[in-house]
Every structure is written in C-alpha cells, then in structure tokens.
Amino acid sequence: MKIKNIKLEATVLIANYNNAKYIDKCVSSVINQTYKKLEIIFIDDKSTDSSLKVIQKYLKKVKLIKKNKKFGVGSFDQIATYYEGFKKSKGKVIFLLDSDDFFKKNKISTLMDEFNKNKNINILYDLPTKKFLTKDVPIKKKSKLINSYWPYFAPTSCISIRKNKFKIIFSLVDFKSHPDIWLDFRIGIVSKYIFDQYNFIEKNLTFYRQSEKNISSGFKHMSLNWWKRRMQAHNFVKTFFIKHKIIYKKNLDYYITYFINNFT
C-alpha cells in the first residue's frame, strides 16, 4: 500500500488459500479502517481458485506476495505464509487476518491505542464474533470448569503482535510437529509462558467466519476429533515446556483427554 507523508505504524497480513469468494469483504474491511497509517500485505499460498484474479483490483492499495512453496500441511503452511508477509512488512505492529475473516471498522485504531498506551504489551488479542450464514454470535472469554495449561485462545485473526517481537515468537512456534495445532494456539502458549502476559481487549472487533471450509468445523465441541486434537494440544504443550525448560506435570484435563482417546 503506497502512503505518502505519513509514517507506517501498522501492517495487516492477510493469509489466503482458495478463499476467493471472501476476499472482497476481507480486504475492504481493512482498506476502510478508520486508522490510516497502515499497509496491507496479501500473501497467497498457491491458491487454485480465482483468488489471484480477485485481488488484482486492489493492487493499488495492497501488496501481493505469491508463495512458491507449500508443505502440504495446513497449520505449517499458515505459519510460513504469515512469515513471508512479515519479511516485507514495515509497520510497528503486525495484525494477522485469515482471508475468510474480516475486521470491524475501528479495530486497528482501538488496538493501536492500547499498544501506544502500554509499551510492555507484546501480543494483544481482541474477541471474535462468529459469523454464521444466518446469525452473528459474539464470543466472550469463559472460565473453565477444569484447569488446563491453556486459557481461551482467540482465533488467528484476533491476534496483533509488535513487529520487534514477531520474529522471536515465530521462531518459538515454527516446529514441524503436531499438525492439528494451529497458529492461534501456538502463539497463545508463547504469550502465556514465555512473555508471561495474556492481554485482551474485551471488545468483539473481528468477524470469524464459520463455514464447512473452516478448519474448526471439523472439530465439533466434544466430538471424537475434538478430543483427538485436545490430546495433540497436550502433547504440544509438553514438547514446548520440555524444550524451554518449563516444569511440566500431567493434570486432570490430561488424564480425562487421554482416557477418552484410548477407551472410546
């Protein structure tokens, strides 16, 4: 995005793979932000639909990056896609946005105010509104009945990161194991256990689209797939803790998850 006479303060990285029908809504939601000191980088992960054709109309305001390599594993490709965009970014704060999601008009201005007020914040979350075909459902943080090693983690499009911490964070989460553990969970673990902070704006500023293509649709709450991914989450945490010399102990949540995975 070409901006004259103003210093870039924010970068929005849009990660896309075969989401052509959602691109207009996604990109427009960023172009029309009330906050104007920003750049928009659209990274396409070798789409096979009409995504590259759709994005052409925005190239006066959006920088396009075409990836040349795929791992073939969605979670690993997502990490690599965002990192490609980061390498070309200029903003002091990086906003992540999956191309089937979109922002409220005041999202970036609201979060930039928080970053500017508190220089100690490295990662900042807002809350999502789940967007279904016929309704929108705002999500609030919930307390858990059983403690686990992780709190509620908002989806990737709700994550913003200071640029000077971005490379460090991605070096901590970019290891090729636990393929069902996506970027939002990985960054959440880093935020909680490496930076010892978990900062939320208690406002629903991101629309998180729910569809059959959505990854989360394959992990319905309490389904067998949900429990399988939960087991993988526990194993990810164990791997992460051991790697970073954090004390790890199996808890009640682990034993319940293990039991369901092995005896159902």
C-alpha atoms as a PDB file:
ATOM      1  CA  MET A   1       0.000   0.000   0.000  1.00  0.00           C
ATOM      2  CA  LYS A   2       1.505   3.364  -1.019  1.00  0.00           C
ATOM      3  CA  ILE A   3       1.091   6.077   1.593  1.00  0.00           C
ATOM      4  CA  LYS A   4       2.776   9.442   1.210  1.00  0.00           C
ATOM      5  CA  ASN A   5       3.919  11.728   4.013  1.00  0.00           C
ATOM      6  CA  ILE A   6       2.790   9.518   6.882  1.00  0.00           C
ATOM      7  CA  LYS A   7       4.806   7.005   8.822  1.00  0.00           C
ATOM      8  CA  LEU A   8       3.566   3.442   8.664  1.00  0.00           C
ATOM      9  CA  GLU A   9       2.577   2.263  12.130  1.00  0.00           C
ATOM     10  CA  ALA A  10       0.546  -0.903  11.403  1.00  0.00           C
ATOM     11  CA  THR A  11       0.732  -3.755   8.910  1.00  0.00           C
ATOM     12  CA  VAL A  12      -2.140  -6.130   8.194  1.00  0.00           C
ATOM     13  CA  LEU A  13      -1.017  -9.513   6.869  1.00  0.00           C
ATOM     14  CA  ILE A  14      -3.796 -11.349   5.022  1.00  0.00           C
ATOM     15  CA  ALA A  15      -3.129 -15.069   4.560  1.00  0.00           C
ATOM     16  CA  ASN A  16      -5.096 -16.633   1.728  1.00  0.00           C
ATOM     17  CA  TYR A  17      -5.635 -20.064   0.276  1.00  0.00           C
ATOM     18  CA  ASN A  18      -8.627 -20.659  -2.007  1.00  0.00           C
ATOM     19  CA  ASN A  19     -10.894 -18.103  -0.355  1.00  0.00           C
ATOM     20  CA  ALA A  20     -11.777 -16.149  -3.485  1.00  0.00           C
ATOM     21  CA  LYS A  21     -15.417 -15.580  -2.528  1.00  0.00           C
ATOM     22  CA  TYR A  22     -14.454 -13.941   0.780  1.00  0.00           C
ATOM     23  CA  ILE A  23     -11.580 -11.737  -0.394  1.00  0.00           C
ATOM     24  CA  ASP A  24     -13.659  -8.665  -1.251  1.00  0.00           C
ATOM     25  CA  LYS A  25     -15.193  -8.481   2.215  1.00  0.00           C
ATOM     26  CA  CYS A  26     -11.886  -9.210   3.926  1.00  0.00           C
ATOM     27  CA  VAL A  27      -9.735  -6.690   2.038  1.00  0.00           C
ATOM     28  CA  SER A  28     -12.401  -3.976   2.033  1.00  0.00           C
ATOM     29  CA  SER A  29     -12.695  -4.230   5.815  1.00  0.00           C
ATOM     30  CA  VAL A  30      -9.007  -3.293   6.085  1.00  0.00           C
ATOM     31  CA  ILE A  31      -8.968  -0.589   3.413  1.00  0.00           C
ATOM     32  CA  ASN A  32     -11.913   1.100   5.139  1.00  0.00           C
ATOM     33  CA  GLN A  33     -10.379   1.151   8.622  1.00  0.00           C
ATOM     34  CA  THR A  34     -10.604   4.445  10.494  1.00  0.00           C
ATOM     35  CA  TYR A  35      -6.871   4.045  11.151  1.00  0.00           C
ATOM     36  CA  LYS A  36      -4.934   5.105   8.037  1.00  0.00           C
ATOM     37  CA  LYS A  37      -1.238   4.736   8.906  1.00  0.00           C
ATOM     38  CA  LEU A  38      -1.129   1.182   7.682  1.00  0.00           C
ATOM     39  CA  GLU A  39      -0.033  -1.121   4.920  1.00  0.00           C
ATOM     40  CA  ILE A  40      -1.829  -4.213   3.668  1.00  0.00           C
ATOM     41  CA  ILE A  41       0.065  -7.298   2.505  1.00  0.00           C
ATOM     42  CA  PHE A  42      -1.866 -10.145   0.889  1.00  0.00           C
ATOM     43  CA  ILE A  43       0.021 -13.458   0.828  1.00  0.00           C
ATOM     44  CA  ASP A  44      -1.388 -16.171  -1.419  1.00  0.00           C
ATOM     45  CA  ASP A  45      -0.444 -19.755  -0.592  1.00  0.00           C
ATOM     46  CA  LYS A  46      -0.595 -21.155  -4.148  1.00  0.00           C
ATOM     47  CA  SER A  47      -4.385 -20.919  -4.498  1.00  0.00           C
ATOM     48  CA  THR A  48      -6.052 -22.964  -7.229  1.00  0.00           C
ATOM     49  CA  ASP A  49      -9.295 -20.957  -7.334  1.00  0.00           C
ATOM     50  CA  SER A  50      -9.789 -17.400  -8.652  1.00  0.00           C
ATOM     51  CA  SER A  51      -8.145 -15.689  -5.660  1.00  0.00           C
ATOM     52  CA  LEU A  52      -5.358 -14.092  -7.685  1.00  0.00           C
ATOM     53  CA  LYS A  53      -7.868 -12.714 -10.150  1.00  0.00           C
ATOM     54  CA  VAL A  54      -9.997 -11.189  -7.389  1.00  0.00           C
ATOM     55  CA  ILE A  55      -7.090  -9.494  -5.624  1.00  0.00           C
ATOM     56  CA  GLN A  56      -5.959  -7.722  -8.817  1.00  0.00           C
ATOM     57  CA  LYS A  57      -8.490  -4.897  -8.353  1.00  0.00           C
ATOM     58  CA  TYR A  58      -6.877  -3.956  -5.033  1.00  0.00           C
ATOM     59  CA  LEU A  59      -3.224  -3.834  -6.041  1.00  0.00           C
ATOM     60  CA  LYS A  60      -3.037  -0.028  -5.852  1.00  0.00           C
ATOM     61  CA  LYS A  61      -3.649  -0.326  -2.117  1.00  0.00           C
ATOM     62  CA  VAL A  62      -2.448  -3.854  -1.367  1.00  0.00           C
ATOM     63  CA  LYS A  63       0.934  -5.518  -1.809  1.00  0.00           C
ATOM     64  CA  LEU A  64       0.643  -9.053  -3.220  1.00  0.00           C
ATOM     65  CA  ILE A  65       3.051 -11.849  -2.351  1.00  0.00           C
ATOM     66  CA  LYS A  66       2.773 -15.191  -4.149  1.00  0.00           C
ATOM     67  CA  LYS A  67       4.287 -18.095  -2.261  1.00  0.00           C
ATOM     68  CA  ASN A  68       6.300 -20.594  -4.257  1.00  0.00           C
ATOM     69  CA  LYS A  69       6.394 -23.484  -1.799  1.00  0.00           C
ATOM     70  CA  LYS A  70       3.834 -25.480   0.176  1.00  0.00           C
ATOM     71  CA  PHE A  71       4.394 -28.021   2.931  1.00  0.00           C
ATOM     72  CA  GLY A  72       1.014 -29.630   2.268  1.00  0.00           C
ATOM     73  CA  VAL A  73       0.054 -29.403   5.954  1.00  0.00           C
ATOM     74  CA  GLY A  74      -2.376 -26.584   6.663  1.00  0.00           C
ATOM     75  CA  SER A  75      -1.004 -25.454  10.026  1.00  0.00           C
ATOM     76  CA  PHE A  76       2.603 -25.413   8.801  1.00  0.00           C
ATOM     77  CA  ASP A  77       1.635 -23.582   5.603  1.00  0.00           C
ATOM     78  CA  GLN A  78      -0.243 -20.979   7.659  1.00  0.00           C
ATOM     79  CA  ILE A  79       2.874 -20.221   9.728  1.00  0.00           C
ATOM     80  CA  ALA A  80       5.054 -19.974   6.614  1.00  0.00           C
ATOM     81  CA  THR A  81       2.514 -17.754   4.839  1.00  0.00           C
ATOM     82  CA  TYR A  82       2.377 -15.183   7.626  1.00  0.00           C
ATOM     83  CA  TYR A  83       6.151 -15.210   7.964  1.00  0.00           C
ATOM     84  CA  GLU A  84       6.558 -14.446   4.250  1.00  0.00           C
ATOM     85  CA  GLY A  85       4.399 -11.367   4.728  1.00  0.00           C
ATOM     86  CA  PHE A  86       6.256 -10.311   7.862  1.00  0.00           C
ATOM     87  CA  LYS A  87       9.568 -10.229   5.973  1.00  0.00           C
ATOM     88  CA  LYS A  88       8.153  -7.475   3.716  1.00  0.00           C
ATOM     89  CA  SER A  89       6.320  -5.559   6.448  1.00  0.00           C
ATOM     90  CA  LYS A  90       7.079  -2.006   7.625  1.00  0.00           C
ATOM     91  CA  GLY A  91       4.563  -1.402  10.413  1.00  0.00           C
ATOM     92  CA  LYS A  92       5.489  -1.351  14.091  1.00  0.00           C
ATOM     93  CA  VAL A  93       2.503  -3.580  14.908  1.00  0.00           C
ATOM     94  CA  ILE A  94       1.506  -6.626  12.838  1.00  0.00           C
ATOM     95  CA  PHE A  95      -2.153  -7.652  12.555  1.00  0.00           C
ATOM     96  CA  LEU A  96      -2.951 -11.185  11.373  1.00  0.00           C
ATOM     97  CA  LEU A  97      -6.030 -11.833   9.246  1.00  0.00           C
ATOM     98  CA  ASP A  98      -7.166 -15.055   7.594  1.00  0.00           C
ATOM     99  CA  SER A  99      -8.818 -14.185   4.302  1.00  0.00           C
ATOM    100  CA  ASP A 100     -12.239 -15.639   5.167  1.00  0.00           C
ATOM    101  CA  ASP A 101     -12.481 -13.323   8.196  1.00  0.00           C
ATOM    102  CA  PHE A 102     -12.805  -9.533   8.395  1.00  0.00           C
ATOM    103  CA  PHE A 103     -12.375  -6.603  10.785  1.00  0.00           C
ATOM    104  CA  LYS A 104     -14.745  -4.084  12.299  1.00  0.00           C
ATOM    105  CA  LYS A 105     -14.045  -0.585  11.029  1.00  0.00           C
ATOM    106  CA  ASN A 106     -12.460   0.663  14.261  1.00  0.00           C
ATOM    107  CA  LYS A 107     -10.434  -2.439  15.129  1.00  0.00           C
ATOM    108  CA  ILE A 108      -6.963  -1.192  14.259  1.00  0.00           C
ATOM    109  CA  SER A 109      -7.413   2.242  15.837  1.00  0.00           C
ATOM    110  CA  THR A 110      -8.706   0.616  19.043  1.00  0.00           C
ATOM    111  CA  LEU A 111      -5.784  -1.803  19.352  1.00  0.00           C
ATOM    112  CA  MET A 112      -3.147   0.733  18.319  1.00  0.00           C
ATOM    113  CA  ASP A 113      -4.358   2.965  21.158  1.00  0.00           C
ATOM    114  CA  GLU A 114      -3.695   0.105  23.568  1.00  0.00           C
ATOM    115  CA  PHE A 115      -0.245  -0.627  22.146  1.00  0.00           C
ATOM    116  CA  ASN A 116       0.666   3.060  22.383  1.00  0.00           C
ATOM    117  CA  LYS A 117      -0.584   3.350  25.978  1.00  0.00           C
ATOM    118  CA  ASN A 118       1.248   0.241  27.213  1.00  0.00           C
ATOM    119  CA  LYS A 119       4.742  -0.311  25.827  1.00  0.00           C
ATOM    120  CA  ASN A 120       5.037  -3.629  27.692  1.00  0.00           C
ATOM    121  CA  ILE A 121       2.355  -5.347  25.606  1.00  0.00           C
ATOM    122  CA  ASN A 122       3.932  -7.687  23.044  1.00  0.00           C
ATOM    123  CA  ILE A 123       0.830  -9.608  21.921  1.00  0.00           C
ATOM    124  CA  LEU A 124      -2.710  -8.243  22.061  1.00  0.00           C
ATOM    125  CA  TYR A 125      -5.997 -10.029  21.384  1.00  0.00           C
ATOM    126  CA  ASP A 126      -9.478  -8.821  20.636  1.00  0.00           C
ATOM    127  CA  LEU A 127     -12.578 -11.038  20.776  1.00  0.00           C
ATOM    128  CA  PRO A 128     -14.262 -12.632  17.770  1.00  0.00           C
ATOM    129  CA  THR A 129     -17.823 -12.601  16.572  1.00  0.00           C
ATOM    130  CA  LYS A 130     -18.618 -15.947  14.985  1.00  0.00           C
ATOM    131  CA  LYS A 131     -20.283 -15.250  11.662  1.00  0.00           C
ATOM    132  CA  PHE A 132     -22.735 -17.919  10.541  1.00  0.00           C
ATOM    133  CA  LEU A 133     -24.882 -17.774   7.411  1.00  0.00           C
ATOM    134  CA  THR A 134     -27.946 -16.549   9.290  1.00  0.00           C
ATOM    135  CA  LYS A 135     -26.603 -15.026  12.511  1.00  0.00           C
ATOM    136  CA  ASP A 136     -23.648 -13.424  14.271  1.00  0.00           C
ATOM    137  CA  VAL A 137     -22.618 -14.683  17.706  1.00  0.00           C
ATOM    138  CA  PRO A 138     -20.253 -12.506  19.807  1.00  0.00           C
ATOM    139  CA  ILE A 139     -17.861 -14.622  21.858  1.00  0.00           C
ATOM    140  CA  LYS A 140     -16.825 -13.746  25.395  1.00  0.00           C
ATOM    141  CA  LYS A 141     -13.962 -15.120  27.448  1.00  0.00           C
ATOM    142  CA  LYS A 142     -15.151 -18.010  29.585  1.00  0.00           C
ATOM    143  CA  SER A 143     -13.857 -19.508  32.793  1.00  0.00           C
ATOM    144  CA  LYS A 144     -13.143 -23.236  32.720  1.00  0.00           C
ATOM    145  CA  LEU A 145     -14.605 -25.938  34.927  1.00  0.00           C
ATOM    146  CA  ILE A 146     -11.372 -27.929  34.766  1.00  0.00           C
ATOM    147  CA  ASN A 147      -7.984 -26.207  34.671  1.00  0.00           C
ATOM    148  CA  SER A 148      -5.711 -26.939  31.738  1.00  0.00           C
ATOM    149  CA  TYR A 149      -2.399 -25.460  30.669  1.00  0.00           C
ATOM    150  CA  TRP A 150      -4.119 -23.059  28.308  1.00  0.00           C
ATOM    151  CA  PRO A 151      -6.848 -20.426  28.698  1.00  0.00           C
ATOM    152  CA  TYR A 152      -9.307 -19.466  25.979  1.00  0.00           C
ATOM    153  CA  PHE A 153      -7.310 -18.658  22.826  1.00  0.00           C
ATOM    154  CA  ALA A 154      -8.983 -16.361  20.308  1.00  0.00           C
ATOM    155  CA  PRO A 155      -8.567 -17.272  16.595  1.00  0.00           C
ATOM    156  CA  THR A 156      -5.635 -16.099  14.500  1.00  0.00           C
ATOM    157  CA  SER A 157      -7.459 -13.094  13.037  1.00  0.00           C
ATOM    158  CA  CYS A 158      -7.791 -11.681  16.576  1.00  0.00           C
ATOM    159  CA  ILE A 159      -4.010 -11.580  17.128  1.00  0.00           C
ATOM    160  CA  SER A 160      -1.787  -8.499  16.856  1.00  0.00           C
ATOM    161  CA  ILE A 161       1.960  -8.507  17.609  1.00  0.00           C
ATOM    162  CA  ARG A 162       4.683  -5.904  17.952  1.00  0.00           C
ATOM    163  CA  LYS A 163       6.991  -6.249  14.979  1.00  0.00           C
ATOM    164  CA  ASN A 164      10.139  -6.315  17.122  1.00  0.00           C
ATOM    165  CA  LYS A 165       8.813  -9.476  18.813  1.00  0.00           C
ATOM    166  CA  PHE A 166       7.338 -11.161  15.739  1.00  0.00           C
ATOM    167  CA  LYS A 167      10.470 -12.998  14.595  1.00  0.00           C
ATOM    168  CA  ILE A 168      11.141 -14.262  18.122  1.00  0.00           C
ATOM    169  CA  ILE A 169       7.576 -15.531  18.503  1.00  0.00           C
ATOM    170  CA  PHE A 170       7.574 -17.343  15.173  1.00  0.00           C
ATOM    171  CA  SER A 171      10.938 -18.957  15.887  1.00  0.00           C
ATOM    172  CA  LEU A 172       9.357 -20.425  19.031  1.00  0.00           C
ATOM    173  CA  VAL A 173       6.234 -21.823  17.343  1.00  0.00           C
ATOM    174  CA  ASP A 174       7.594 -22.917  13.967  1.00  0.00           C
ATOM    175  CA  PHE A 175       8.452 -26.552  14.552  1.00  0.00           C
ATOM    176  CA  LYS A 176       7.023 -29.216  12.278  1.00  0.00           C
ATOM    177  CA  SER A 177       5.106 -31.412  14.674  1.00  0.00           C
ATOM    178  CA  HIS A 178       1.525 -31.570  15.992  1.00  0.00           C
ATOM    179  CA  PRO A 179      -0.130 -30.650  12.669  1.00  0.00           C
ATOM    180  CA  ASP A 180      -3.591 -30.079  14.188  1.00  0.00           C
ATOM    181  CA  ILE A 181      -2.230 -27.348  16.447  1.00  0.00           C
ATOM    182  CA  TRP A 182      -2.677 -24.107  14.548  1.00  0.00           C
ATOM    183  CA  LEU A 183      -1.037 -20.734  14.895  1.00  0.00           C
ATOM    184  CA  ASP A 184      -3.523 -19.208  17.341  1.00  0.00           C
ATOM    185  CA  PHE A 185      -2.846 -21.907  19.960  1.00  0.00           C
ATOM    186  CA  ARG A 186       0.915 -21.811  19.415  1.00  0.00           C
ATOM    187  CA  ILE A 187       1.113 -18.037  19.829  1.00  0.00           C
ATOM    188  CA  GLY A 188      -1.124 -18.239  22.883  1.00  0.00           C
ATOM    189  CA  ILE A 189       1.271 -20.630  24.610  1.00  0.00           C
ATOM    190  CA  VAL A 190       4.202 -18.307  23.848  1.00  0.00           C
ATOM    191  CA  SER A 191       2.278 -15.318  25.193  1.00  0.00           C
ATOM    192  CA  LYS A 192       1.347 -17.057  28.426  1.00  0.00           C
ATOM    193  CA  TYR A 193       4.545 -18.962  29.215  1.00  0.00           C
ATOM    194  CA  ILE A 194       7.358 -17.028  27.536  1.00  0.00           C
ATOM    195  CA  PHE A 195       6.147 -13.424  27.823  1.00  0.00           C
ATOM    196  CA  ASP A 196       4.074 -14.103  30.951  1.00  0.00           C
ATOM    197  CA  GLN A 197       1.203 -11.986  29.648  1.00  0.00           C
ATOM    198  CA  TYR A 198      -2.174 -12.587  28.088  1.00  0.00           C
ATOM    199  CA  ASN A 199      -3.637  -9.269  27.024  1.00  0.00           C
ATOM    200  CA  PHE A 200      -7.220  -8.972  25.807  1.00  0.00           C
ATOM    201  CA  ILE A 201      -9.316  -6.075  24.601  1.00  0.00           C
ATOM    202  CA  GLU A 202     -12.768  -7.095  25.808  1.00  0.00           C
ATOM    203  CA  LYS A 203     -14.378  -5.981  22.558  1.00  0.00           C
ATOM    204  CA  ASN A 204     -15.619  -8.032  19.604  1.00  0.00           C
ATOM    205  CA  LEU A 205     -13.677  -6.430  16.767  1.00  0.00           C
ATOM    206  CA  THR A 206     -13.141  -9.386  14.403  1.00  0.00           C
ATOM    207  CA  PHE A 207     -15.663 -11.429  12.432  1.00  0.00           C
ATOM    208  CA  TYR A 208     -14.653 -15.095  12.449  1.00  0.00           C
ATOM    209  CA  ARG A 209     -16.434 -16.840   9.608  1.00  0.00           C
ATOM    210  CA  GLN A 210     -17.986 -20.260  10.236  1.00  0.00           C
ATOM    211  CA  SER A 211     -18.390 -22.472   7.187  1.00  0.00           C
ATOM    212  CA  GLU A 212     -17.837 -26.028   6.035  1.00  0.00           C
ATOM    213  CA  LYS A 213     -14.385 -24.984   4.780  1.00  0.00           C
ATOM    214  CA  ASN A 214     -13.465 -23.567   8.178  1.00  0.00           C
ATOM    215  CA  ILE A 215     -10.885 -25.735   9.928  1.00  0.00           C
ATOM    216  CA  SER A 216     -12.785 -25.617  13.209  1.00  0.00           C
ATOM    217  CA  SER A 217     -15.847 -27.167  11.550  1.00  0.00           C
ATOM    218  CA  GLY A 218     -14.028 -30.499  11.615  1.00  0.00           C
ATOM    219  CA  PHE A 219     -13.647 -30.325  15.388  1.00  0.00           C
ATOM    220  CA  LYS A 220     -17.173 -30.009  16.769  1.00  0.00           C
ATOM    221  CA  HIS A 221     -17.186 -29.490  20.526  1.00  0.00           C
ATOM    222  CA  MET A 222     -16.875 -32.815  22.387  1.00  0.00           C
ATOM    223  CA  SER A 223     -16.688 -34.822  19.161  1.00  0.00           C
ATOM    224  CA  LEU A 224     -14.071 -37.574  18.823  1.00  0.00           C
ATOM    225  CA  ASN A 225     -11.993 -35.322  16.537  1.00  0.00           C
ATOM    226  CA  TRP A 226     -12.210 -32.574  19.160  1.00  0.00           C
ATOM    227  CA  TRP A 227     -10.828 -34.919  21.793  1.00  0.00           C
ATOM    228  CA  LYS A 228      -8.083 -36.129  19.428  1.00  0.00           C
ATOM    229  CA  ARG A 229      -6.970 -32.566  18.785  1.00  0.00           C
ATOM    230  CA  ARG A 230      -7.095 -31.876  22.527  1.00  0.00           C
ATOM    231  CA  MET A 231      -4.715 -34.781  23.080  1.00  0.00           C
ATOM    232  CA  GLN A 232      -2.411 -33.276  20.476  1.00  0.00           C
ATOM    233  CA  ALA A 233      -2.651 -29.922  22.283  1.00  0.00           C
ATOM    234  CA  HIS A 234      -1.494 -31.577  25.499  1.00  0.00           C
ATOM    235  CA  ASN A 235       1.402 -33.197  23.665  1.00  0.00           C
ATOM    236  CA  PHE A 236       2.305 -29.864  22.053  1.00  0.00           C
ATOM    237  CA  VAL A 237       2.392 -28.187  25.467  1.00  0.00           C
ATOM    238  CA  LYS A 238       4.567 -30.990  26.852  1.00  0.00           C
ATOM    239  CA  THR A 239       7.001 -30.667  23.919  1.00  0.00           C
ATOM    240  CA  PHE A 240       7.074 -26.882  24.279  1.00  0.00           C
ATOM    241  CA  PHE A 241       7.631 -26.990  28.047  1.00  0.00           C
ATOM    242  CA  ILE A 242      10.458 -29.513  27.839  1.00  0.00           C
ATOM    243  CA  LYS A 243      12.104 -27.529  25.036  1.00  0.00           C
ATOM    244  CA  HIS A 244      12.017 -24.319  27.085  1.00  0.00           C
ATOM    245  CA  LYS A 245      12.776 -25.895  30.482  1.00  0.00           C
ATOM    246  CA  ILE A 246       9.334 -25.220  31.934  1.00  0.00           C
ATOM    247  CA  ILE A 247       8.119 -27.664  34.582  1.00  0.00           C
ATOM    248  CA  TYR A 248       5.508 -29.998  33.104  1.00  0.00           C
ATOM    249  CA  LYS A 249       3.117 -32.235  35.042  1.00  0.00           C
ATOM    250  CA  LYS A 250       0.154 -34.170  33.732  1.00  0.00           C
ATOM    251  CA  ASN A 251      -3.049 -32.678  35.120  1.00  0.00           C
ATOM    252  CA  LEU A 252      -6.686 -33.802  35.412  1.00  0.00           C
ATOM    253  CA  ASP A 253      -7.517 -32.398  31.994  1.00  0.00           C
ATOM    254  CA  TYR A 254      -4.713 -34.508  30.504  1.00  0.00           C
ATOM    255  CA  TYR A 255      -5.950 -37.729  32.138  1.00  0.00           C
ATOM    256  CA  ILE A 256      -9.558 -37.159  31.052  1.00  0.00           C
ATOM    257  CA  THR A 257      -8.415 -36.459  27.483  1.00  0.00           C
ATOM    258  CA  TYR A 258      -6.123 -39.480  27.481  1.00  0.00           C
ATOM    259  CA  PHE A 259      -8.874 -41.752  28.793  1.00  0.00           C
ATOM    260  CA  ILE A 260     -11.400 -40.647  26.157  1.00  0.00           C
ATOM    261  CA  ASN A 261      -8.867 -41.035  23.351  1.00  0.00           C
ATOM    262  CA  ASN A 262      -7.832 -44.520  24.392  1.00  0.00           C
ATOM    263  CA  PHE A 263     -11.041 -46.079  25.705  1.00  0.00           C
ATOM    264  CA  THR A 264     -13.814 -44.850  23.392  1.00  0.00           C
END
